[in-house]
Amino acid sequence: MFTFLLDLTQEKGRGIHAYSAVAKAAFERAVTEPDHTAAFYFLATSAENFVDLHERQPLSSEELERNFDMFQADVEAFEGAAEESAEKRLAVLNEIVKARIEQTR
């Protein structure tokens, strides 16, 4: 359900254009997948934030790899909970958001 975003990121080269395409695709899915709107919205805004933060700036391969690893972990966590109860999906979302907040401190 969510892994197509990883494929899209890989196809587009993991750079700014890739995350821009991911944001667009995830926003579109947020509308059409009501049971997973919050997860798709989170992934879309994460990709969009990456674009906003790094647009017009040089980006090291280490930064790209670190960001992709975090994005991949988030996608895989959402994928693992996709068929679970709404409570479990919400718990996964809360864990991911909490981890990302802690990383920015």
PDB file of N, CA and C in Angstrom:
ATOM      1  N   MET A   1       0.807  -1.197   0.000  1.00  0.00           N
ATOM      2  CA  MET A   1       0.000   0.000   0.000  1.00  0.00           C
ATOM      3  C   MET A   1       0.856   1.269   0.000  1.00  0.00           C
ATOM      4  N   PHE A   2       1.927   1.295   0.775  1.00  0.00           N
ATOM      5  CA  PHE A   2       2.775   2.477   0.874  1.00  0.00           C
ATOM      6  C   PHE A   2       4.087   2.339   0.112  1.00  0.00           C
ATOM      7  N   THR A   3       4.492   1.116  -0.172  1.00  0.00           N
ATOM      8  CA  THR A   3       5.821   0.896  -0.747  1.00  0.00           C
ATOM      9  C   THR A   3       5.988   1.469  -2.149  1.00  0.00           C
ATOM     10  N   PHE A   4       4.897   1.760  -2.839  1.00  0.00           N
ATOM     11  CA  PHE A   4       5.031   2.391  -4.153  1.00  0.00           C
ATOM     12  C   PHE A   4       5.755   3.734  -4.027  1.00  0.00           C
ATOM     13  N   LEU A   5       5.677   4.365  -2.855  1.00  0.00           N
ATOM     14  CA  LEU A   5       6.384   5.623  -2.639  1.00  0.00           C
ATOM     15  C   LEU A   5       7.899   5.412  -2.623  1.00  0.00           C
ATOM     16  N   LEU A   6       8.332   4.287  -2.067  1.00  0.00           N
ATOM     17  CA  LEU A   6       9.765   3.963  -2.103  1.00  0.00           C
ATOM     18  C   LEU A   6      10.216   3.713  -3.534  1.00  0.00           C
ATOM     19  N   ASP A   7       9.404   2.990  -4.285  1.00  0.00           N
ATOM     20  CA  ASP A   7       9.725   2.732  -5.690  1.00  0.00           C
ATOM     21  C   ASP A   7       9.833   4.043  -6.464  1.00  0.00           C
ATOM     22  N   LEU A   8       8.896   4.935  -6.219  1.00  0.00           N
ATOM     23  CA  LEU A   8       8.897   6.231  -6.894  1.00  0.00           C
ATOM     24  C   LEU A   8      10.153   7.022  -6.534  1.00  0.00           C
ATOM     25  N   THR A   9      10.530   6.987  -5.281  1.00  0.00           N
ATOM     26  CA  THR A   9      11.738   7.677  -4.832  1.00  0.00           C
ATOM     27  C   THR A   9      12.965   7.121  -5.549  1.00  0.00           C
ATOM     28  N   GLN A  10      13.039   5.802  -5.639  1.00  0.00           N
ATOM     29  CA  GLN A  10      14.175   5.157  -6.310  1.00  0.00           C
ATOM     30  C   GLN A  10      14.184   5.498  -7.802  1.00  0.00           C
ATOM     31  N   GLU A  11      13.038   5.407  -8.434  1.00  0.00           N
ATOM     32  CA  GLU A  11      12.934   5.682  -9.874  1.00  0.00           C
ATOM     33  C   GLU A  11      13.382   7.098 -10.222  1.00  0.00           C
ATOM     34  N   LYS A  12      13.072   8.031  -9.342  1.00  0.00           N
ATOM     35  CA  LYS A  12      13.372   9.441  -9.609  1.00  0.00           C
ATOM     36  C   LYS A  12      14.746   9.861  -9.082  1.00  0.00           C
ATOM     37  N   GLY A  13      15.485   8.943  -8.456  1.00  0.00           N
ATOM     38  CA  GLY A  13      16.855   9.234  -8.063  1.00  0.00           C
ATOM     39  C   GLY A  13      17.083   9.725  -6.651  1.00  0.00           C
ATOM     40  N   ARG A  14      16.105   9.635  -5.792  1.00  0.00           N
ATOM     41  CA  ARG A  14      16.222   9.985  -4.373  1.00  0.00           C
ATOM     42  C   ARG A  14      16.533  11.447  -4.086  1.00  0.00           C
ATOM     43  N   GLY A  15      16.458  12.303  -5.054  1.00  0.00           N
ATOM     44  CA  GLY A  15      16.761  13.712  -4.859  1.00  0.00           C
ATOM     45  C   GLY A  15      15.512  14.556  -4.694  1.00  0.00           C
ATOM     46  N   ILE A  16      15.690  15.853  -4.881  1.00  0.00           N
ATOM     47  CA  ILE A  16      14.603  16.816  -4.706  1.00  0.00           C
ATOM     48  C   ILE A  16      13.403  16.472  -5.587  1.00  0.00           C
ATOM     49  N   HIS A  17      13.666  16.147  -6.848  1.00  0.00           N
ATOM     50  CA  HIS A  17      12.564  15.834  -7.769  1.00  0.00           C
ATOM     51  C   HIS A  17      11.822  14.565  -7.330  1.00  0.00           C
ATOM     52  N   ALA A  18      12.557  13.623  -6.774  1.00  0.00           N
ATOM     53  CA  ALA A  18      11.934  12.385  -6.302  1.00  0.00           C
ATOM     54  C   ALA A  18      10.986  12.674  -5.143  1.00  0.00           C
ATOM     55  N   TYR A  19      11.456  13.453  -4.187  1.00  0.00           N
ATOM     56  CA  TYR A  19      10.609  13.739  -3.031  1.00  0.00           C
ATOM     57  C   TYR A  19       9.440  14.647  -3.399  1.00  0.00           C
ATOM     58  N   SER A  20       9.616  15.485  -4.390  1.00  0.00           N
ATOM     59  CA  SER A  20       8.502  16.299  -4.878  1.00  0.00           C
ATOM     60  C   SER A  20       7.425  15.403  -5.491  1.00  0.00           C
ATOM     61  N   ALA A  21       7.848  14.423  -6.279  1.00  0.00           N
ATOM     62  CA  ALA A  21       6.895  13.472  -6.877  1.00  0.00           C
ATOM     63  C   ALA A  21       6.227  12.620  -5.807  1.00  0.00           C
ATOM     64  N   VAL A  22       6.979  12.224  -4.795  1.00  0.00           N
ATOM     65  CA  VAL A  22       6.426  11.435  -3.689  1.00  0.00           C
ATOM     66  C   VAL A  22       5.371  12.239  -2.939  1.00  0.00           C
ATOM     67  N   ALA A  23       5.659  13.500  -2.674  1.00  0.00           N
ATOM     68  CA  ALA A  23       4.695  14.347  -1.960  1.00  0.00           C
ATOM     69  C   ALA A  23       3.390  14.424  -2.739  1.00  0.00           C
ATOM     70  N   LYS A  24       3.494  14.661  -4.028  1.00  0.00           N
ATOM     71  CA  LYS A  24       2.291  14.757  -4.867  1.00  0.00           C
ATOM     72  C   LYS A  24       1.502  13.448  -4.840  1.00  0.00           C
ATOM     73  N   ALA A  25       2.189  12.336  -5.016  1.00  0.00           N
ATOM     74  CA  ALA A  25       1.511  11.034  -5.035  1.00  0.00           C
ATOM     75  C   ALA A  25       0.879  10.717  -3.681  1.00  0.00           C
ATOM     76  N   ALA A  26       1.579  11.024  -2.613  1.00  0.00           N
ATOM     77  CA  ALA A  26       1.049  10.729  -1.274  1.00  0.00           C
ATOM     78  C   ALA A  26      -0.150  11.618  -0.948  1.00  0.00           C
ATOM     79  N   PHE A  27      -0.101  12.889  -1.336  1.00  0.00           N
ATOM     80  CA  PHE A  27      -1.264  13.762  -1.125  1.00  0.00           C
ATOM     81  C   PHE A  27      -2.472  13.229  -1.886  1.00  0.00           C
ATOM     82  N   GLU A  28      -2.250  12.769  -3.118  1.00  0.00           N
ATOM     83  CA  GLU A  28      -3.354  12.208  -3.900  1.00  0.00           C
ATOM     84  C   GLU A  28      -3.943  10.975  -3.218  1.00  0.00           C
ATOM     85  N   ARG A  29      -3.081  10.104  -2.704  1.00  0.00           N
ATOM     86  CA  ARG A  29      -3.567   8.900  -2.022  1.00  0.00           C
ATOM     87  C   ARG A  29      -4.261   9.240  -0.710  1.00  0.00           C
ATOM     88  N   ALA A  30      -3.838  10.296  -0.053  1.00  0.00           N
ATOM     89  CA  ALA A  30      -4.484  10.698   1.208  1.00  0.00           C
ATOM     90  C   ALA A  30      -5.962  10.962   0.987  1.00  0.00           C
ATOM     91  N   VAL A  31      -6.310  11.428  -0.189  1.00  0.00           N
ATOM     92  CA  VAL A  31      -7.708  11.715  -0.515  1.00  0.00           C
ATOM     93  C   VAL A  31      -8.475  10.441  -0.849  1.00  0.00           C
ATOM     94  N   THR A  32      -7.825   9.508  -1.519  1.00  0.00           N
ATOM     95  CA  THR A  32      -8.535   8.321  -2.010  1.00  0.00           C
ATOM     96  C   THR A  32      -8.488   7.130  -1.059  1.00  0.00           C
ATOM     97  N   GLU A  33      -7.684   7.210  -0.014  1.00  0.00           N
ATOM     98  CA  GLU A  33      -7.548   6.104   0.957  1.00  0.00           C
ATOM     99  C   GLU A  33      -7.940   6.601   2.350  1.00  0.00           C
ATOM    100  N   PRO A  34      -9.223   6.725   2.632  1.00  0.00           N
ATOM    101  CA  PRO A  34      -9.643   7.341   3.892  1.00  0.00           C
ATOM    102  C   PRO A  34      -9.150   6.632   5.157  1.00  0.00           C
ATOM    103  N   ASP A  35      -8.939   5.341   5.101  1.00  0.00           N
ATOM    104  CA  ASP A  35      -8.449   4.636   6.286  1.00  0.00           C
ATOM    105  C   ASP A  35      -6.968   4.890   6.547  1.00  0.00           C
ATOM    106  N   HIS A  36      -6.288   5.473   5.568  1.00  0.00           N
ATOM    107  CA  HIS A  36      -4.846   5.696   5.682  1.00  0.00           C
ATOM    108  C   HIS A  36      -4.469   7.149   5.385  1.00  0.00           C
ATOM    109  N   THR A  37      -5.460   8.031   5.469  1.00  0.00           N
ATOM    110  CA  THR A  37      -5.231   9.437   5.162  1.00  0.00           C
ATOM    111  C   THR A  37      -4.120  10.037   6.004  1.00  0.00           C
ATOM    112  N   ALA A  38      -4.125   9.800   7.292  1.00  0.00           N
ATOM    113  CA  ALA A  38      -3.115  10.406   8.170  1.00  0.00           C
ATOM    114  C   ALA A  38      -1.710   9.942   7.810  1.00  0.00           C
ATOM    115  N   ALA A  39      -1.540   8.665   7.527  1.00  0.00           N
ATOM    116  CA  ALA A  39      -0.217   8.139   7.169  1.00  0.00           C
ATOM    117  C   ALA A  39       0.258   8.738   5.848  1.00  0.00           C
ATOM    118  N   PHE A  40      -0.620   8.766   4.846  1.00  0.00           N
ATOM    119  CA  PHE A  40      -0.229   9.357   3.573  1.00  0.00           C
ATOM    120  C   PHE A  40       0.059  10.848   3.721  1.00  0.00           C
ATOM    121  N   TYR A  41      -0.728  11.526   4.526  1.00  0.00           N
ATOM    122  CA  TYR A  41      -0.483  12.948   4.752  1.00  0.00           C
ATOM    123  C   TYR A  41       0.871  13.161   5.426  1.00  0.00           C
ATOM    124  N   PHE A  42       1.176  12.352   6.419  1.00  0.00           N
ATOM    125  CA  PHE A  42       2.474  12.462   7.096  1.00  0.00           C
ATOM    126  C   PHE A  42       3.618  12.250   6.105  1.00  0.00           C
ATOM    127  N   LEU A  43       3.519  11.203   5.293  1.00  0.00           N
ATOM    128  CA  LEU A  43       4.574  10.921   4.319  1.00  0.00           C
ATOM    129  C   LEU A  43       4.688  12.040   3.285  1.00  0.00           C
ATOM    130  N   ALA A  44       3.549  12.576   2.853  1.00  0.00           N
ATOM    131  CA  ALA A  44       3.560  13.672   1.886  1.00  0.00           C
ATOM    132  C   ALA A  44       4.232  14.907   2.469  1.00  0.00           C
ATOM    133  N   THR A  45       3.869  15.260   3.680  1.00  0.00           N
ATOM    134  CA  THR A  45       4.467  16.455   4.281  1.00  0.00           C
ATOM    135  C   THR A  45       5.940  16.228   4.608  1.00  0.00           C
ATOM    136  N   SER A  46       6.316  15.015   4.954  1.00  0.00           N
ATOM    137  CA  SER A  46       7.734  14.714   5.183  1.00  0.00           C
ATOM    138  C   SER A  46       8.532  14.923   3.903  1.00  0.00           C
ATOM    139  N   ALA A  47       8.013  14.422   2.797  1.00  0.00           N
ATOM    140  CA  ALA A  47       8.684  14.591   1.510  1.00  0.00           C
ATOM    141  C   ALA A  47       8.723  16.067   1.117  1.00  0.00           C
ATOM    142  N   GLU A  48       7.625  16.748   1.315  1.00  0.00           N
ATOM    143  CA  GLU A  48       7.548  18.172   0.984  1.00  0.00           C
ATOM    144  C   GLU A  48       8.531  18.986   1.836  1.00  0.00           C
ATOM    145  N   ASN A  49       8.629  18.647   3.110  1.00  0.00           N
ATOM    146  CA  ASN A  49       9.575  19.335   3.996  1.00  0.00           C
ATOM    147  C   ASN A  49      11.013  19.124   3.541  1.00  0.00           C
ATOM    148  N   PHE A  50      11.322  17.912   3.080  1.00  0.00           N
ATOM    149  CA  PHE A  50      12.653  17.627   2.556  1.00  0.00           C
ATOM    150  C   PHE A  50      12.949  18.543   1.369  1.00  0.00           C
ATOM    151  N   VAL A  51      11.997  18.676   0.474  1.00  0.00           N
ATOM    152  CA  VAL A  51      12.173  19.542  -0.697  1.00  0.00           C
ATOM    153  C   VAL A  51      12.376  20.982  -0.250  1.00  0.00           C
ATOM    154  N   ASP A  52      11.535  21.468   0.641  1.00  0.00           N
ATOM    155  CA  ASP A  52      11.630  22.851   1.104  1.00  0.00           C
ATOM    156  C   ASP A  52      12.961  23.130   1.799  1.00  0.00           C
ATOM    157  N   LEU A  53      13.421  22.187   2.572  1.00  0.00           N
ATOM    158  CA  LEU A  53      14.654  22.361   3.331  1.00  0.00           C
ATOM    159  C   LEU A  53      15.894  22.350   2.454  1.00  0.00           C
ATOM    160  N   HIS A  54      15.898  21.544   1.405  1.00  0.00           N
ATOM    161  CA  HIS A  54      17.113  21.332   0.633  1.00  0.00           C
ATOM    162  C   HIS A  54      17.092  21.929  -0.766  1.00  0.00           C
ATOM    163  N   GLU A  55      16.011  22.579  -1.113  1.00  0.00           N
ATOM    164  CA  GLU A  55      15.924  23.169  -2.441  1.00  0.00           C
ATOM    165  C   GLU A  55      17.006  24.224  -2.625  1.00  0.00           C
ATOM    166  N   ARG A  56      17.672  24.160  -3.756  1.00  0.00           N
ATOM    167  CA  ARG A  56      18.730  25.114  -4.130  1.00  0.00           C
ATOM    168  C   ARG A  56      19.949  25.052  -3.221  1.00  0.00           C
ATOM    169  N   GLN A  57      20.147  23.955  -2.538  1.00  0.00           N
ATOM    170  CA  GLN A  57      21.322  23.801  -1.691  1.00  0.00           C
ATOM    171  C   GLN A  57      22.023  22.498  -2.041  1.00  0.00           C
ATOM    172  N   PRO A  58      23.334  22.507  -1.957  1.00  0.00           N
ATOM    173  CA  PRO A  58      24.043  21.247  -2.199  1.00  0.00           C
ATOM    174  C   PRO A  58      23.685  20.242  -1.104  1.00  0.00           C
ATOM    175  N   LEU A  59      23.614  19.013  -1.490  1.00  0.00           N
ATOM    176  CA  LEU A  59      23.210  17.960  -0.562  1.00  0.00           C
ATOM    177  C   LEU A  59      24.213  16.821  -0.659  1.00  0.00           C
ATOM    178  N   SER A  60      24.747  16.430   0.471  1.00  0.00           N
ATOM    179  CA  SER A  60      25.733  15.353   0.459  1.00  0.00           C
ATOM    180  C   SER A  60      25.038  14.005   0.268  1.00  0.00           C
ATOM    181  N   SER A  61      25.805  13.060  -0.236  1.00  0.00           N
ATOM    182  CA  SER A  61      25.245  11.718  -0.414  1.00  0.00           C
ATOM    183  C   SER A  61      24.885  11.109   0.936  1.00  0.00           C
ATOM    184  N   GLU A  62      25.610  11.481   1.991  1.00  0.00           N
ATOM    185  CA  GLU A  62      25.281  10.983   3.334  1.00  0.00           C
ATOM    186  C   GLU A  62      23.920  11.492   3.798  1.00  0.00           C
ATOM    187  N   GLU A  63      23.650  12.767   3.536  1.00  0.00           N
ATOM    188  CA  GLU A  63      22.350  13.332   3.904  1.00  0.00           C
ATOM    189  C   GLU A  63      21.218  12.670   3.122  1.00  0.00           C
ATOM    190  N   LEU A  64      21.451  12.479   1.837  1.00  0.00           N
ATOM    191  CA  LEU A  64      20.434  11.807   1.021  1.00  0.00           C
ATOM    192  C   LEU A  64      20.165  10.406   1.539  1.00  0.00           C
ATOM    193  N   GLU A  65      21.213   9.686   1.848  1.00  0.00           N
ATOM    194  CA  GLU A  65      21.070   8.310   2.333  1.00  0.00           C
ATOM    195  C   GLU A  65      20.378   8.273   3.691  1.00  0.00           C
ATOM    196  N   ARG A  66      20.761   9.181   4.583  1.00  0.00           N
ATOM    197  CA  ARG A  66      20.152   9.250   5.918  1.00  0.00           C
ATOM    198  C   ARG A  66      18.655   9.560   5.804  1.00  0.00           C
ATOM    199  N   ASN A  67      18.311  10.514   4.954  1.00  0.00           N
ATOM    200  CA  ASN A  67      16.904  10.864   4.776  1.00  0.00           C
ATOM    201  C   ASN A  67      16.133   9.696   4.170  1.00  0.00           C
ATOM    202  N   PHE A  68      16.714   9.057   3.152  1.00  0.00           N
ATOM    203  CA  PHE A  68      16.022   7.928   2.537  1.00  0.00           C
ATOM    204  C   PHE A  68      15.816   6.800   3.549  1.00  0.00           C
ATOM    205  N   ASP A  69      16.811   6.535   4.371  1.00  0.00           N
ATOM    206  CA  ASP A  69      16.682   5.474   5.381  1.00  0.00           C
ATOM    207  C   ASP A  69      15.531   5.765   6.346  1.00  0.00           C
ATOM    208  N   MET A  70      15.414   7.024   6.779  1.00  0.00           N
ATOM    209  CA  MET A  70      14.311   7.390   7.670  1.00  0.00           C
ATOM    210  C   MET A  70      12.974   7.271   6.953  1.00  0.00           C
ATOM    211  N   PHE A  71      12.923   7.757   5.725  1.00  0.00           N
ATOM    212  CA  PHE A  71      11.689   7.678   4.943  1.00  0.00           C
ATOM    213  C   PHE A  71      11.302   6.223   4.721  1.00  0.00           C
ATOM    214  N   GLN A  72      12.264   5.400   4.387  1.00  0.00           N
ATOM    215  CA  GLN A  72      12.006   3.974   4.170  1.00  0.00           C
ATOM    216  C   GLN A  72      11.490   3.311   5.449  1.00  0.00           C
ATOM    217  N   ALA A  73      12.073   3.642   6.582  1.00  0.00           N
ATOM    218  CA  ALA A  73      11.619   3.078   7.857  1.00  0.00           C
ATOM    219  C   ALA A  73      10.175   3.481   8.147  1.00  0.00           C
ATOM    220  N   ASP A  74       9.837   4.730   7.864  1.00  0.00           N
ATOM    221  CA  ASP A  74       8.468   5.194   8.076  1.00  0.00           C
ATOM    222  C   ASP A  74       7.493   4.450   7.159  1.00  0.00           C
ATOM    223  N   VAL A  75       7.846   4.355   5.893  1.00  0.00           N
ATOM    224  CA  VAL A  75       6.985   3.654   4.926  1.00  0.00           C
ATOM    225  C   VAL A  75       6.787   2.203   5.350  1.00  0.00           C
ATOM    226  N   GLU A  76       7.866   1.544   5.735  1.00  0.00           N
ATOM    227  CA  GLU A  76       7.763   0.134   6.132  1.00  0.00           C
ATOM    228  C   GLU A  76       6.936  -0.041   7.396  1.00  0.00           C
ATOM    229  N   ALA A  77       7.035   0.901   8.328  1.00  0.00           N
ATOM    230  CA  ALA A  77       6.208   0.829   9.537  1.00  0.00           C
ATOM    231  C   ALA A  77       4.731   0.980   9.188  1.00  0.00           C
ATOM    232  N   PHE A  78       4.415   1.937   8.331  1.00  0.00           N
ATOM    233  CA  PHE A  78       3.025   2.103   7.897  1.00  0.00           C
ATOM    234  C   PHE A  78       2.544   0.885   7.116  1.00  0.00           C
ATOM    235  N   GLU A  79       3.401   0.351   6.280  1.00  0.00           N
ATOM    236  CA  GLU A  79       3.051  -0.838   5.495  1.00  0.00           C
ATOM    237  C   GLU A  79       2.736  -2.007   6.426  1.00  0.00           C
ATOM    238  N   GLY A  80       3.549  -2.181   7.457  1.00  0.00           N
ATOM    239  CA  GLY A  80       3.341  -3.278   8.399  1.00  0.00           C
ATOM    240  C   GLY A  80       2.043  -3.170   9.175  1.00  0.00           C
ATOM    241  N   ALA A  81       1.569  -1.955   9.362  1.00  0.00           N
ATOM    242  CA  ALA A  81       0.337  -1.746  10.132  1.00  0.00           C
ATOM    243  C   ALA A  81      -0.884  -1.521   9.244  1.00  0.00           C
ATOM    244  N   ALA A  82      -0.712  -1.547   7.927  1.00  0.00           N
ATOM    245  CA  ALA A  82      -1.792  -1.189   7.004  1.00  0.00           C
ATOM    246  C   ALA A  82      -3.050  -2.023   7.179  1.00  0.00           C
ATOM    247  N   GLU A  83      -2.911  -3.277   7.506  1.00  0.00           N
ATOM    248  CA  GLU A  83      -4.073  -4.156   7.640  1.00  0.00           C
ATOM    249  C   GLU A  83      -4.497  -4.347   9.096  1.00  0.00           C
ATOM    250  N   GLU A  84      -3.872  -3.608   9.984  1.00  0.00           N
ATOM    251  CA  GLU A  84      -4.192  -3.700  11.418  1.00  0.00           C
ATOM    252  C   GLU A  84      -5.413  -2.830  11.747  1.00  0.00           C
ATOM    253  N   SER A  85      -5.791  -2.856  12.990  1.00  0.00           N
ATOM    254  CA  SER A  85      -6.922  -2.039  13.450  1.00  0.00           C
ATOM    255  C   SER A  85      -6.567  -0.560  13.385  1.00  0.00           C
ATOM    256  N   ALA A  86      -7.594   0.258  13.435  1.00  0.00           N
ATOM    257  CA  ALA A  86      -7.384   1.705  13.426  1.00  0.00           C
ATOM    258  C   ALA A  86      -6.538   2.129  14.626  1.00  0.00           C
ATOM    259  N   GLU A  87      -6.739   1.492  15.756  1.00  0.00           N
ATOM    260  CA  GLU A  87      -5.967   1.823  16.956  1.00  0.00           C
ATOM    261  C   GLU A  87      -4.486   1.524  16.751  1.00  0.00           C
ATOM    262  N   LYS A  88      -4.184   0.400  16.127  1.00  0.00           N
ATOM    263  CA  LYS A  88      -2.792   0.019  15.875  1.00  0.00           C
ATOM    264  C   LYS A  88      -2.163   0.982  14.866  1.00  0.00           C
ATOM    265  N   ARG A  89      -2.899   1.332  13.811  1.00  0.00           N
ATOM    266  CA  ARG A  89      -2.376   2.282  12.820  1.00  0.00           C
ATOM    267  C   ARG A  89      -2.094   3.633  13.461  1.00  0.00           C
ATOM    268  N   LEU A  90      -2.984   4.070  14.357  1.00  0.00           N
ATOM    269  CA  LEU A  90      -2.784   5.333  15.053  1.00  0.00           C
ATOM    270  C   LEU A  90      -1.564   5.254  15.967  1.00  0.00           C
ATOM    271  N   ALA A  91      -1.391   4.133  16.636  1.00  0.00           N
ATOM    272  CA  ALA A  91      -0.225   3.955  17.508  1.00  0.00           C
ATOM    273  C   ALA A  91       1.073   4.032  16.704  1.00  0.00           C
ATOM    274  N   VAL A  92       1.095   3.424  15.531  1.00  0.00           N
ATOM    275  CA  VAL A  92       2.282   3.476  14.673  1.00  0.00           C
ATOM    276  C   VAL A  92       2.530   4.916  14.224  1.00  0.00           C
ATOM    277  N   LEU A  93       1.492   5.600  13.812  1.00  0.00           N
ATOM    278  CA  LEU A  93       1.625   6.999  13.406  1.00  0.00           C
ATOM    279  C   LEU A  93       2.192   7.833  14.553  1.00  0.00           C
ATOM    280  N   ASN A  94       1.661   7.657  15.737  1.00  0.00           N
ATOM    281  CA  ASN A  94       2.141   8.416  16.894  1.00  0.00           C
ATOM    282  C   ASN A  94       3.608   8.109  17.193  1.00  0.00           C
ATOM    283  N   GLU A  95       4.010   6.860  17.082  1.00  0.00           N
ATOM    284  CA  GLU A  95       5.413   6.481  17.313  1.00  0.00           C
ATOM    285  C   GLU A  95       6.331   7.155  16.301  1.00  0.00           C
ATOM    286  N   ILE A  96       5.932   7.147  15.053  1.00  0.00           N
ATOM    287  CA  ILE A  96       6.756   7.742  14.003  1.00  0.00           C
ATOM    288  C   ILE A  96       6.877   9.250  14.198  1.00  0.00           C
ATOM    289  N   VAL A  97       5.767   9.907  14.450  1.00  0.00           N
ATOM    290  CA  VAL A  97       5.791  11.355  14.633  1.00  0.00           C
ATOM    291  C   VAL A  97       6.638  11.712  15.856  1.00  0.00           C
ATOM    292  N   LYS A  98       6.493  10.994  16.920  1.00  0.00           N
ATOM    293  CA  LYS A  98       7.289  11.243  18.125  1.00  0.00           C
ATOM    294  C   LYS A  98       8.778  11.087  17.829  1.00  0.00           C
ATOM    295  N   ALA A  99       9.144  10.059  17.106  1.00  0.00           N
ATOM    296  CA  ALA A  99      10.554   9.835  16.762  1.00  0.00           C
ATOM    297  C   ALA A  99      11.093  10.981  15.909  1.00  0.00           C
ATOM    298  N   ARG A 100      10.312  11.462  14.969  1.00  0.00           N
ATOM    299  CA  ARG A 100      10.771  12.552  14.105  1.00  0.00           C
ATOM    300  C   ARG A 100      10.910  13.856  14.909  1.00  0.00           C
ATOM    301  N   ILE A 101      10.001  14.092  15.845  1.00  0.00           N
ATOM    302  CA  ILE A 101      10.109  15.272  16.697  1.00  0.00           C
ATOM    303  C   ILE A 101      11.371  15.198  17.547  1.00  0.00           C
ATOM    304  N   GLU A 102      11.641  14.050  18.110  1.00  0.00           N
ATOM    305  CA  GLU A 102      12.831  13.881  18.934  1.00  0.00           C
ATOM    306  C   GLU A 102      14.117  14.078  18.127  1.00  0.00           C
ATOM    307  N   GLN A 103      14.099  13.729  16.849  1.00  0.00           N
ATOM    308  CA  GLN A 103      15.269  13.903  16.000  1.00  0.00           C
ATOM    309  C   GLN A 103      15.560  15.369  15.716  1.00  0.00           C
ATOM    310  N   THR A 104      14.561  16.216  15.794  1.00  0.00           N
ATOM    311  CA  THR A 104      14.762  17.631  15.494  1.00  0.00           C
ATOM    312  C   THR A 104      15.203  18.421  16.724  1.00  0.00           C
ATOM    313  N   ARG A 105      15.178  17.821  17.863  1.00  0.00           N
ATOM    314  CA  ARG A 105      15.574  18.536  19.088  1.00  0.00           C
ATOM    315  C   ARG A 105      17.059  18.551  19.253  1.00  0.00           C
TER     316      ARG A 105
END
